Amino acid sequence: MLEDNSEKLEADEYEEIHSEEVDRVIETLATLIESVESETIGEYLQEVSDKIFELVYDEEDMELEEEETDELEDEEYELDEEDDDEAMAA
């Protein structure tokens, strides 16, 4: 089956893969990785997830995504502190 896909890709030259699909698959794999008991299976799944990520993203994208996530977490923490302060004042 994989051979059929590679032959098809060679004929078409390339396949367009959308980041939304990659994000969805990686999220699904992350859930699956958390649910398996076998470390070996978890490692294989993580490798697959990394390879799929690399289909549309590079290291710079990963670093930017981590920075954005950190910034959002900081903002959420600050908002939580403000809510706590307002609740205490009331």
PDB file of N, CA and C in Angstrom:
ATOM      1  N   MET A   1       0.820  -1.179   0.000  1.00  0.00           N
ATOM      2  CA  MET A   1       0.000   0.000   0.000  1.00  0.00           C
ATOM      3  C   MET A   1       0.877   1.262   0.000  1.00  0.00           C
ATOM      4  N   LEU A   2       1.914   1.282   0.824  1.00  0.00           N
ATOM      5  CA  LEU A   2       2.807   2.430   0.849  1.00  0.00           C
ATOM      6  C   LEU A   2       3.503   2.602  -0.488  1.00  0.00           C
ATOM      7  N   GLU A   3       3.819   1.501  -1.132  1.00  0.00           N
ATOM      8  CA  GLU A   3       4.453   1.581  -2.438  1.00  0.00           C
ATOM      9  C   GLU A   3       3.524   2.237  -3.454  1.00  0.00           C
ATOM     10  N   ASP A   4       2.236   1.917  -3.384  1.00  0.00           N
ATOM     11  CA  ASP A   4       1.256   2.518  -4.287  1.00  0.00           C
ATOM     12  C   ASP A   4       1.200   4.028  -4.088  1.00  0.00           C
ATOM     13  N   ASN A   5       1.230   4.465  -2.841  1.00  0.00           N
ATOM     14  CA  ASN A   5       1.188   5.893  -2.542  1.00  0.00           C
ATOM     15  C   ASN A   5       2.426   6.603  -3.057  1.00  0.00           C
ATOM     16  N   SER A   6       3.605   5.992  -2.890  1.00  0.00           N
ATOM     17  CA  SER A   6       4.828   6.641  -3.348  1.00  0.00           C
ATOM     18  C   SER A   6       4.858   6.725  -4.869  1.00  0.00           C
ATOM     19  N   GLU A   7       4.348   5.695  -5.539  1.00  0.00           N
ATOM     20  CA  GLU A   7       4.273   5.738  -7.001  1.00  0.00           C
ATOM     21  C   GLU A   7       3.324   6.838  -7.447  1.00  0.00           C
ATOM     22  N   LYS A   8       2.209   6.985  -6.759  1.00  0.00           N
ATOM     23  CA  LYS A   8       1.241   8.022  -7.088  1.00  0.00           C
ATOM     24  C   LYS A   8       1.863   9.401  -6.876  1.00  0.00           C
ATOM     25  N   LEU A   9       2.592   9.578  -5.763  1.00  0.00           N
ATOM     26  CA  LEU A   9       3.223  10.859  -5.480  1.00  0.00           C
ATOM     27  C   LEU A   9       4.275  11.198  -6.533  1.00  0.00           C
ATOM     28  N   GLU A  10       5.015  10.204  -6.972  1.00  0.00           N
ATOM     29  CA  GLU A  10       6.010  10.452  -8.017  1.00  0.00           C
ATOM     30  C   GLU A  10       5.334  10.929  -9.298  1.00  0.00           C
ATOM     31  N   ALA A  11       4.207  10.372  -9.620  1.00  0.00           N
ATOM     32  CA  ALA A  11       3.502  10.762 -10.828  1.00  0.00           C
ATOM     33  C   ALA A  11       2.947  12.181 -10.696  1.00  0.00           C
ATOM     34  N   ASP A  12       2.459  12.536  -9.528  1.00  0.00           N
ATOM     35  CA  ASP A  12       1.879  13.858  -9.289  1.00  0.00           C
ATOM     36  C   ASP A  12       2.938  14.881  -8.887  1.00  0.00           C
ATOM     37  N   GLU A  13       4.143  14.464  -8.655  1.00  0.00           N
ATOM     38  CA  GLU A  13       5.281  15.251  -8.209  1.00  0.00           C
ATOM     39  C   GLU A  13       5.221  15.595  -6.723  1.00  0.00           C
ATOM     40  N   TYR A  14       4.102  16.079  -6.221  1.00  0.00           N
ATOM     41  CA  TYR A  14       3.997  16.372  -4.807  1.00  0.00           C
ATOM     42  C   TYR A  14       2.533  16.362  -4.381  1.00  0.00           C
ATOM     43  N   GLU A  15       2.335  16.246  -3.096  1.00  0.00           N
ATOM     44  CA  GLU A  15       0.995  16.287  -2.526  1.00  0.00           C
ATOM     45  C   GLU A  15       0.919  17.509  -1.630  1.00  0.00           C
ATOM     46  N   GLU A  16      -0.131  18.280  -1.758  1.00  0.00           N
ATOM     47  CA  GLU A  16      -0.305  19.448  -0.904  1.00  0.00           C
ATOM     48  C   GLU A  16      -0.895  18.998   0.428  1.00  0.00           C
ATOM     49  N   ILE A  17      -0.187  19.314   1.485  1.00  0.00           N
ATOM     50  CA  ILE A  17      -0.631  18.948   2.828  1.00  0.00           C
ATOM     51  C   ILE A  17      -0.894  20.240   3.588  1.00  0.00           C
ATOM     52  N   HIS A  18      -2.065  20.344   4.172  1.00  0.00           N
ATOM     53  CA  HIS A  18      -2.459  21.566   4.867  1.00  0.00           C
ATOM     54  C   HIS A  18      -2.101  21.497   6.347  1.00  0.00           C
ATOM     55  N   SER A  19      -1.702  22.629   6.883  1.00  0.00           N
ATOM     56  CA  SER A  19      -1.291  22.678   8.293  1.00  0.00           C
ATOM     57  C   SER A  19      -2.437  22.312   9.227  1.00  0.00           C
ATOM     58  N   GLU A  20      -3.676  22.620   8.835  1.00  0.00           N
ATOM     59  CA  GLU A  20      -4.815  22.278   9.686  1.00  0.00           C
ATOM     60  C   GLU A  20      -4.915  20.767   9.876  1.00  0.00           C
ATOM     61  N   GLU A  21      -4.665  20.036   8.794  1.00  0.00           N
ATOM     62  CA  GLU A  21      -4.725  18.577   8.884  1.00  0.00           C
ATOM     63  C   GLU A  21      -3.585  18.050   9.754  1.00  0.00           C
ATOM     64  N   VAL A  22      -2.400  18.612   9.560  1.00  0.00           N
ATOM     65  CA  VAL A  22      -1.247  18.194  10.363  1.00  0.00           C
ATOM     66  C   VAL A  22      -1.519  18.474  11.839  1.00  0.00           C
ATOM     67  N   ASP A  23      -2.042  19.652  12.149  1.00  0.00           N
ATOM     68  CA  ASP A  23      -2.351  19.997  13.545  1.00  0.00           C
ATOM     69  C   ASP A  23      -3.346  19.012  14.141  1.00  0.00           C
ATOM     70  N   ARG A  24      -4.382  18.671  13.368  1.00  0.00           N
ATOM     71  CA  ARG A  24      -5.413  17.745  13.851  1.00  0.00           C
ATOM     72  C   ARG A  24      -4.826  16.349  14.102  1.00  0.00           C
ATOM     73  N   VAL A  25      -3.994  15.885  13.186  1.00  0.00           N
ATOM     74  CA  VAL A  25      -3.392  14.552  13.329  1.00  0.00           C
ATOM     75  C   VAL A  25      -2.439  14.527  14.523  1.00  0.00           C
ATOM     76  N   ILE A  26      -1.637  15.576  14.681  1.00  0.00           N
ATOM     77  CA  ILE A  26      -0.695  15.627  15.804  1.00  0.00           C
ATOM     78  C   ILE A  26      -1.452  15.648  17.131  1.00  0.00           C
ATOM     79  N   GLU A  27      -2.543  16.390  17.187  1.00  0.00           N
ATOM     80  CA  GLU A  27      -3.345  16.438  18.410  1.00  0.00           C
ATOM     81  C   GLU A  27      -3.925  15.064  18.731  1.00  0.00           C
ATOM     82  N   THR A  28      -4.405  14.372  17.703  1.00  0.00           N
ATOM     83  CA  THR A  28      -4.955  13.030  17.886  1.00  0.00           C
ATOM     84  C   THR A  28      -3.873  12.054  18.346  1.00  0.00           C
ATOM     85  N   LEU A  29      -2.695  12.162  17.743  1.00  0.00           N
ATOM     86  CA  LEU A  29      -1.584  11.298  18.155  1.00  0.00           C
ATOM     87  C   LEU A  29      -1.166  11.586  19.596  1.00  0.00           C
ATOM     88  N   ALA A  30      -1.175  12.843  20.001  1.00  0.00           N
ATOM     89  CA  ALA A  30      -0.806  13.191  21.374  1.00  0.00           C
ATOM     90  C   ALA A  30      -1.757  12.526  22.368  1.00  0.00           C
ATOM     91  N   THR A  31      -3.036  12.536  22.048  1.00  0.00           N
ATOM     92  CA  THR A  31      -4.024  11.872  22.902  1.00  0.00           C
ATOM     93  C   THR A  31      -3.768  10.371  22.950  1.00  0.00           C
ATOM     94  N   LEU A  32      -3.458   9.801  21.800  1.00  0.00           N
ATOM     95  CA  LEU A  32      -3.164   8.370  21.732  1.00  0.00           C
ATOM     96  C   LEU A  32      -1.900   8.032  22.520  1.00  0.00           C
ATOM     97  N   ILE A  33      -0.865   8.866  22.382  1.00  0.00           N
ATOM     98  CA  ILE A  33       0.394   8.636  23.100  1.00  0.00           C
ATOM     99  C   ILE A  33       0.150   8.615  24.608  1.00  0.00           C
ATOM    100  N   GLU A  34      -0.683   9.520  25.085  1.00  0.00           N
ATOM    101  CA  GLU A  34      -0.988   9.579  26.521  1.00  0.00           C
ATOM    102  C   GLU A  34      -1.738   8.340  26.998  1.00  0.00           C
ATOM    103  N   SER A  35      -2.461   7.689  26.076  1.00  0.00           N
ATOM    104  CA  SER A  35      -3.302   6.570  26.482  1.00  0.00           C
ATOM    105  C   SER A  35      -2.610   5.210  26.435  1.00  0.00           C
ATOM    106  N   VAL A  36      -1.460   5.112  25.754  1.00  0.00           N
ATOM    107  CA  VAL A  36      -0.804   3.807  25.658  1.00  0.00           C
ATOM    108  C   VAL A  36       0.047   3.534  26.895  1.00  0.00           C
ATOM    109  N   GLU A  37       0.121   2.281  27.250  1.00  0.00           N
ATOM    110  CA  GLU A  37       0.914   1.885  28.408  1.00  0.00           C
ATOM    111  C   GLU A  37       2.348   1.542  28.020  1.00  0.00           C
ATOM    112  N   SER A  38       2.537   1.023  26.837  1.00  0.00           N
ATOM    113  CA  SER A  38       3.852   0.590  26.382  1.00  0.00           C
ATOM    114  C   SER A  38       4.725   1.798  26.029  1.00  0.00           C
ATOM    115  N   GLU A  39       5.904   1.863  26.641  1.00  0.00           N
ATOM    116  CA  GLU A  39       6.840   2.941  26.337  1.00  0.00           C
ATOM    117  C   GLU A  39       7.316   2.839  24.881  1.00  0.00           C
ATOM    118  N   THR A  40       7.517   1.629  24.410  1.00  0.00           N
ATOM    119  CA  THR A  40       7.982   1.419  23.039  1.00  0.00           C
ATOM    120  C   THR A  40       6.963   1.940  22.041  1.00  0.00           C
ATOM    121  N   ILE A  41       5.714   1.592  22.232  1.00  0.00           N
ATOM    122  CA  ILE A  41       4.668   2.074  21.332  1.00  0.00           C
ATOM    123  C   ILE A  41       4.576   3.595  21.421  1.00  0.00           C
ATOM    124  N   GLY A  42       4.663   4.138  22.626  1.00  0.00           N
ATOM    125  CA  GLY A  42       4.631   5.588  22.800  1.00  0.00           C
ATOM    126  C   GLY A  42       5.761   6.279  22.057  1.00  0.00           C
ATOM    127  N   GLU A  43       6.953   5.680  22.103  1.00  0.00           N
ATOM    128  CA  GLU A  43       8.101   6.253  21.392  1.00  0.00           C
ATOM    129  C   GLU A  43       7.891   6.217  19.877  1.00  0.00           C
ATOM    130  N   TYR A  44       7.360   5.091  19.376  1.00  0.00           N
ATOM    131  CA  TYR A  44       7.078   4.994  17.939  1.00  0.00           C
ATOM    132  C   TYR A  44       6.046   6.041  17.519  1.00  0.00           C
ATOM    133  N   LEU A  45       5.013   6.182  18.313  1.00  0.00           N
ATOM    134  CA  LEU A  45       3.979   7.169  17.997  1.00  0.00           C
ATOM    135  C   LEU A  45       4.546   8.588  18.019  1.00  0.00           C
ATOM    136  N   GLN A  46       5.440   8.867  18.968  1.00  0.00           N
ATOM    137  CA  GLN A  46       6.062  10.182  19.039  1.00  0.00           C
ATOM    138  C   GLN A  46       6.914  10.443  17.804  1.00  0.00           C
ATOM    139  N   GLU A  47       7.646   9.425  17.349  1.00  0.00           N
ATOM    140  CA  GLU A  47       8.447   9.561  16.131  1.00  0.00           C
ATOM    141  C   GLU A  47       7.559   9.877  14.927  1.00  0.00           C
ATOM    142  N   VAL A  48       6.432   9.185  14.831  1.00  0.00           N
ATOM    143  CA  VAL A  48       5.494   9.431  13.739  1.00  0.00           C
ATOM    144  C   VAL A  48       4.960  10.860  13.825  1.00  0.00           C
ATOM    145  N   SER A  49       4.614  11.280  15.021  1.00  0.00           N
ATOM    146  CA  SER A  49       4.111  12.637  15.225  1.00  0.00           C
ATOM    147  C   SER A  49       5.145  13.676  14.790  1.00  0.00           C
ATOM    148  N   ASP A  50       6.402  13.441  15.153  1.00  0.00           N
ATOM    149  CA  ASP A  50       7.480  14.363  14.766  1.00  0.00           C
ATOM    150  C   ASP A  50       7.645  14.426  13.250  1.00  0.00           C
ATOM    151  N   LYS A  51       7.584  13.269  12.600  1.00  0.00           N
ATOM    152  CA  LYS A  51       7.724  13.225  11.135  1.00  0.00           C
ATOM    153  C   LYS A  51       6.569  13.964  10.453  1.00  0.00           C
ATOM    154  N   ILE A  52       5.364  13.766  10.962  1.00  0.00           N
ATOM    155  CA  ILE A  52       4.202  14.443  10.390  1.00  0.00           C
ATOM    156  C   ILE A  52       4.329  15.952  10.590  1.00  0.00           C
ATOM    157  N   PHE A  53       4.776  16.372  11.759  1.00  0.00           N
ATOM    158  CA  PHE A  53       4.993  17.790  12.044  1.00  0.00           C
ATOM    159  C   PHE A  53       5.953  18.393  11.018  1.00  0.00           C
ATOM    160  N   GLU A  54       7.004  17.669  10.697  1.00  0.00           N
ATOM    161  CA  GLU A  54       8.026  18.156   9.774  1.00  0.00           C
ATOM    162  C   GLU A  54       7.528  18.273   8.338  1.00  0.00           C
ATOM    163  N   LEU A  55       6.371  17.706   8.036  1.00  0.00           N
ATOM    164  CA  LEU A  55       5.832  17.815   6.686  1.00  0.00           C
ATOM    165  C   LEU A  55       5.499  19.267   6.318  1.00  0.00           C
ATOM    166  N   VAL A  56       5.078  20.052   7.305  1.00  0.00           N
ATOM    167  CA  VAL A  56       4.692  21.438   7.008  1.00  0.00           C
ATOM    168  C   VAL A  56       5.390  22.476   7.881  1.00  0.00           C
ATOM    169  N   TYR A  57       6.005  22.040   8.959  1.00  0.00           N
ATOM    170  CA  TYR A  57       6.650  22.979   9.862  1.00  0.00           C
ATOM    171  C   TYR A  57       8.149  22.718   9.902  1.00  0.00           C
ATOM    172  N   ASP A  58       8.906  23.748  10.271  1.00  0.00           N
ATOM    173  CA  ASP A  58      10.332  23.578  10.490  1.00  0.00           C
ATOM    174  C   ASP A  58      10.653  24.005  11.916  1.00  0.00           C
ATOM    175  N   GLU A  59      11.921  23.982  12.295  1.00  0.00           N
ATOM    176  CA  GLU A  59      12.311  24.305  13.670  1.00  0.00           C
ATOM    177  C   GLU A  59      11.916  25.719  14.069  1.00  0.00           C
ATOM    178  N   GLU A  60      12.041  26.673  13.137  1.00  0.00           N
ATOM    179  CA  GLU A  60      11.676  28.047  13.442  1.00  0.00           C
ATOM    180  C   GLU A  60      10.200  28.158  13.781  1.00  0.00           C
ATOM    181  N   ASP A  61       9.352  27.432  13.043  1.00  0.00           N
ATOM    182  CA  ASP A  61       7.925  27.446  13.329  1.00  0.00           C
ATOM    183  C   ASP A  61       7.658  26.901  14.725  1.00  0.00           C
ATOM    184  N   MET A  62       8.368  25.847  15.090  1.00  0.00           N
ATOM    185  CA  MET A  62       8.194  25.243  16.406  1.00  0.00           C
ATOM    186  C   MET A  62       8.594  26.228  17.500  1.00  0.00           C
ATOM    187  N   GLU A  63       9.718  26.923  17.312  1.00  0.00           N
ATOM    188  CA  GLU A  63      10.168  27.891  18.304  1.00  0.00           C
ATOM    189  C   GLU A  63       9.170  29.037  18.430  1.00  0.00           C
ATOM    190  N   LEU A  64       8.640  29.524  17.312  1.00  0.00           N
ATOM    191  CA  LEU A  64       7.642  30.589  17.349  1.00  0.00           C
ATOM    192  C   LEU A  64       6.378  30.128  18.052  1.00  0.00           C
ATOM    193  N   GLU A  65       5.953  28.903  17.770  1.00  0.00           N
ATOM    194  CA  GLU A  65       4.753  28.367  18.396  1.00  0.00           C
ATOM    195  C   GLU A  65       4.937  28.251  19.910  1.00  0.00           C
ATOM    196  N   GLU A  66       6.115  27.806  20.349  1.00  0.00           N
ATOM    197  CA  GLU A  66       6.399  27.698  21.774  1.00  0.00           C
ATOM    198  C   GLU A  66       6.387  29.076  22.434  1.00  0.00           C
ATOM    199  N   GLU A  67       6.956  30.082  21.762  1.00  0.00           N
ATOM    200  CA  GLU A  67       6.965  31.440  22.303  1.00  0.00           C
ATOM    201  C   GLU A  67       5.542  31.972  22.428  1.00  0.00           C
ATOM    202  N   GLU A  68       4.718  31.760  21.401  1.00  0.00           N
ATOM    203  CA  GLU A  68       3.335  32.219  21.446  1.00  0.00           C
ATOM    204  C   GLU A  68       2.572  31.527  22.557  1.00  0.00           C
ATOM    205  N   THR A  69       2.810  30.234  22.733  1.00  0.00           N
ATOM    206  CA  THR A  69       2.146  29.487  23.798  1.00  0.00           C
ATOM    207  C   THR A  69       2.560  30.030  25.157  1.00  0.00           C
ATOM    208  N   ASP A  70       3.849  30.304  25.338  1.00  0.00           N
ATOM    209  CA  ASP A  70       4.336  30.870  26.595  1.00  0.00           C
ATOM    210  C   ASP A  70       3.695  32.219  26.870  1.00  0.00           C
ATOM    211  N   GLU A  71       3.603  33.073  25.822  1.00  0.00           N
ATOM    212  CA  GLU A  71       2.993  34.387  25.987  1.00  0.00           C
ATOM    213  C   GLU A  71       1.527  34.265  26.372  1.00  0.00           C
ATOM    214  N   LEU A  72       0.793  33.350  25.730  1.00  0.00           N
ATOM    215  CA  LEU A  72      -0.614  33.151  26.060  1.00  0.00           C
ATOM    216  C   LEU A  72      -0.777  32.653  27.487  1.00  0.00           C
ATOM    217  N   GLU A  73       0.081  31.743  27.909  1.00  0.00           N
ATOM    218  CA  GLU A  73       0.013  31.238  29.278  1.00  0.00           C
ATOM    219  C   GLU A  73       0.280  32.361  30.277  1.00  0.00           C
ATOM    220  N   ASP A  74       1.245  33.231  29.965  1.00  0.00           N
ATOM    221  CA  ASP A  74       1.535  34.370  30.837  1.00  0.00           C
ATOM    222  C   ASP A  74       0.332  35.302  30.927  1.00  0.00           C
ATOM    223  N   GLU A  75      -0.299  35.585  29.781  1.00  0.00           N
ATOM    224  CA  GLU A  75      -1.469  36.449  29.768  1.00  0.00           C
ATOM    225  C   GLU A  75      -2.610  35.833  30.565  1.00  0.00           C
ATOM    226  N   GLU A  76      -2.830  34.531  30.407  1.00  0.00           N
ATOM    227  CA  GLU A  76      -3.891  33.855  31.151  1.00  0.00           C
ATOM    228  C   GLU A  76      -3.611  33.916  32.644  1.00  0.00           C
ATOM    229  N   TYR A  77      -2.360  33.740  33.036  1.00  0.00           N
ATOM    230  CA  TYR A  77      -1.988  33.795  34.446  1.00  0.00           C
ATOM    231  C   TYR A  77      -2.259  35.183  35.004  1.00  0.00           C
ATOM    232  N   GLU A  78      -1.900  36.227  34.238  1.00  0.00           N
ATOM    233  CA  GLU A  78      -2.138  37.597  34.680  1.00  0.00           C
ATOM    234  C   GLU A  78      -3.623  37.871  34.814  1.00  0.00           C
ATOM    235  N   LEU A  79      -4.430  37.373  33.865  1.00  0.00           N
ATOM    236  CA  LEU A  79      -5.875  37.558  33.944  1.00  0.00           C
ATOM    237  C   LEU A  79      -6.450  36.835  35.154  1.00  0.00           C
ATOM    238  N   ASP A  80      -5.961  35.643  35.450  1.00  0.00           N
ATOM    239  CA  ASP A  80      -6.421  34.898  36.622  1.00  0.00           C
ATOM    240  C   ASP A  80      -6.106  35.663  37.900  1.00  0.00           C
ATOM    241  N   GLU A  81      -4.920  36.261  37.970  1.00  0.00           N
ATOM    242  CA  GLU A  81      -4.544  37.044  39.146  1.00  0.00           C
ATOM    243  C   GLU A  81      -5.453  38.252  39.304  1.00  0.00           C
ATOM    244  N   GLU A  82      -5.800  38.929  38.190  1.00  0.00           N
ATOM    245  CA  GLU A  82      -6.698  40.066  38.241  1.00  0.00           C
ATOM    246  C   GLU A  82      -8.063  39.640  38.731  1.00  0.00           C
ATOM    247  N   ASP A  83      -8.558  38.509  38.236  1.00  0.00           N
ATOM    248  CA  ASP A  83      -9.865  38.000  38.677  1.00  0.00           C
ATOM    249  C   ASP A  83      -9.851  37.694  40.165  1.00  0.00           C
ATOM    250  N   ASP A  84      -8.754  37.100  40.656  1.00  0.00           N
ATOM    251  CA  ASP A  84      -8.633  36.801  42.075  1.00  0.00           C
ATOM    252  C   ASP A  84      -8.633  38.072  42.908  1.00  0.00           C
ATOM    253  N   ASP A  85      -7.911  39.090  42.426  1.00  0.00           N
ATOM    254  CA  ASP A  85      -7.859  40.378  43.133  1.00  0.00           C
ATOM    255  C   ASP A  85      -9.240  41.024  43.197  1.00  0.00           C
ATOM    256  N   GLU A  86      -9.973  40.968  42.086  1.00  0.00           N
ATOM    257  CA  GLU A  86     -11.311  41.549  42.047  1.00  0.00           C
ATOM    258  C   GLU A  86     -12.260  40.785  42.972  1.00  0.00           C
ATOM    259  N   ALA A  87     -12.122  39.475  43.032  1.00  0.00           N
ATOM    260  CA  ALA A  87     -12.975  38.671  43.904  1.00  0.00           C
ATOM    261  C   ALA A  87     -12.694  38.985  45.372  1.00  0.00           C
ATOM    262  N   MET A  88     -11.447  39.210  45.717  1.00  0.00           N
ATOM    263  CA  MET A  88     -11.105  39.536  47.099  1.00  0.00           C
ATOM    264  C   MET A  88     -11.606  40.930  47.468  1.00  0.00           C
ATOM    265  N   ALA A  89     -11.599  41.854  46.510  1.00  0.00           N
ATOM    266  CA  ALA A  89     -12.031  43.220  46.779  1.00  0.00           C
ATOM    267  C   ALA A  89     -13.542  43.299  46.957  1.00  0.00           C
ATOM    268  N   ALA A  90     -14.266  42.365  46.349  1.00  0.00           N
ATOM    269  CA  ALA A  90     -15.725  42.397  46.398  1.00  0.00           C
ATOM    270  C   ALA A  90     -16.268  41.843  47.654  1.00  0.00           C
TER     271      ALA A  90
END
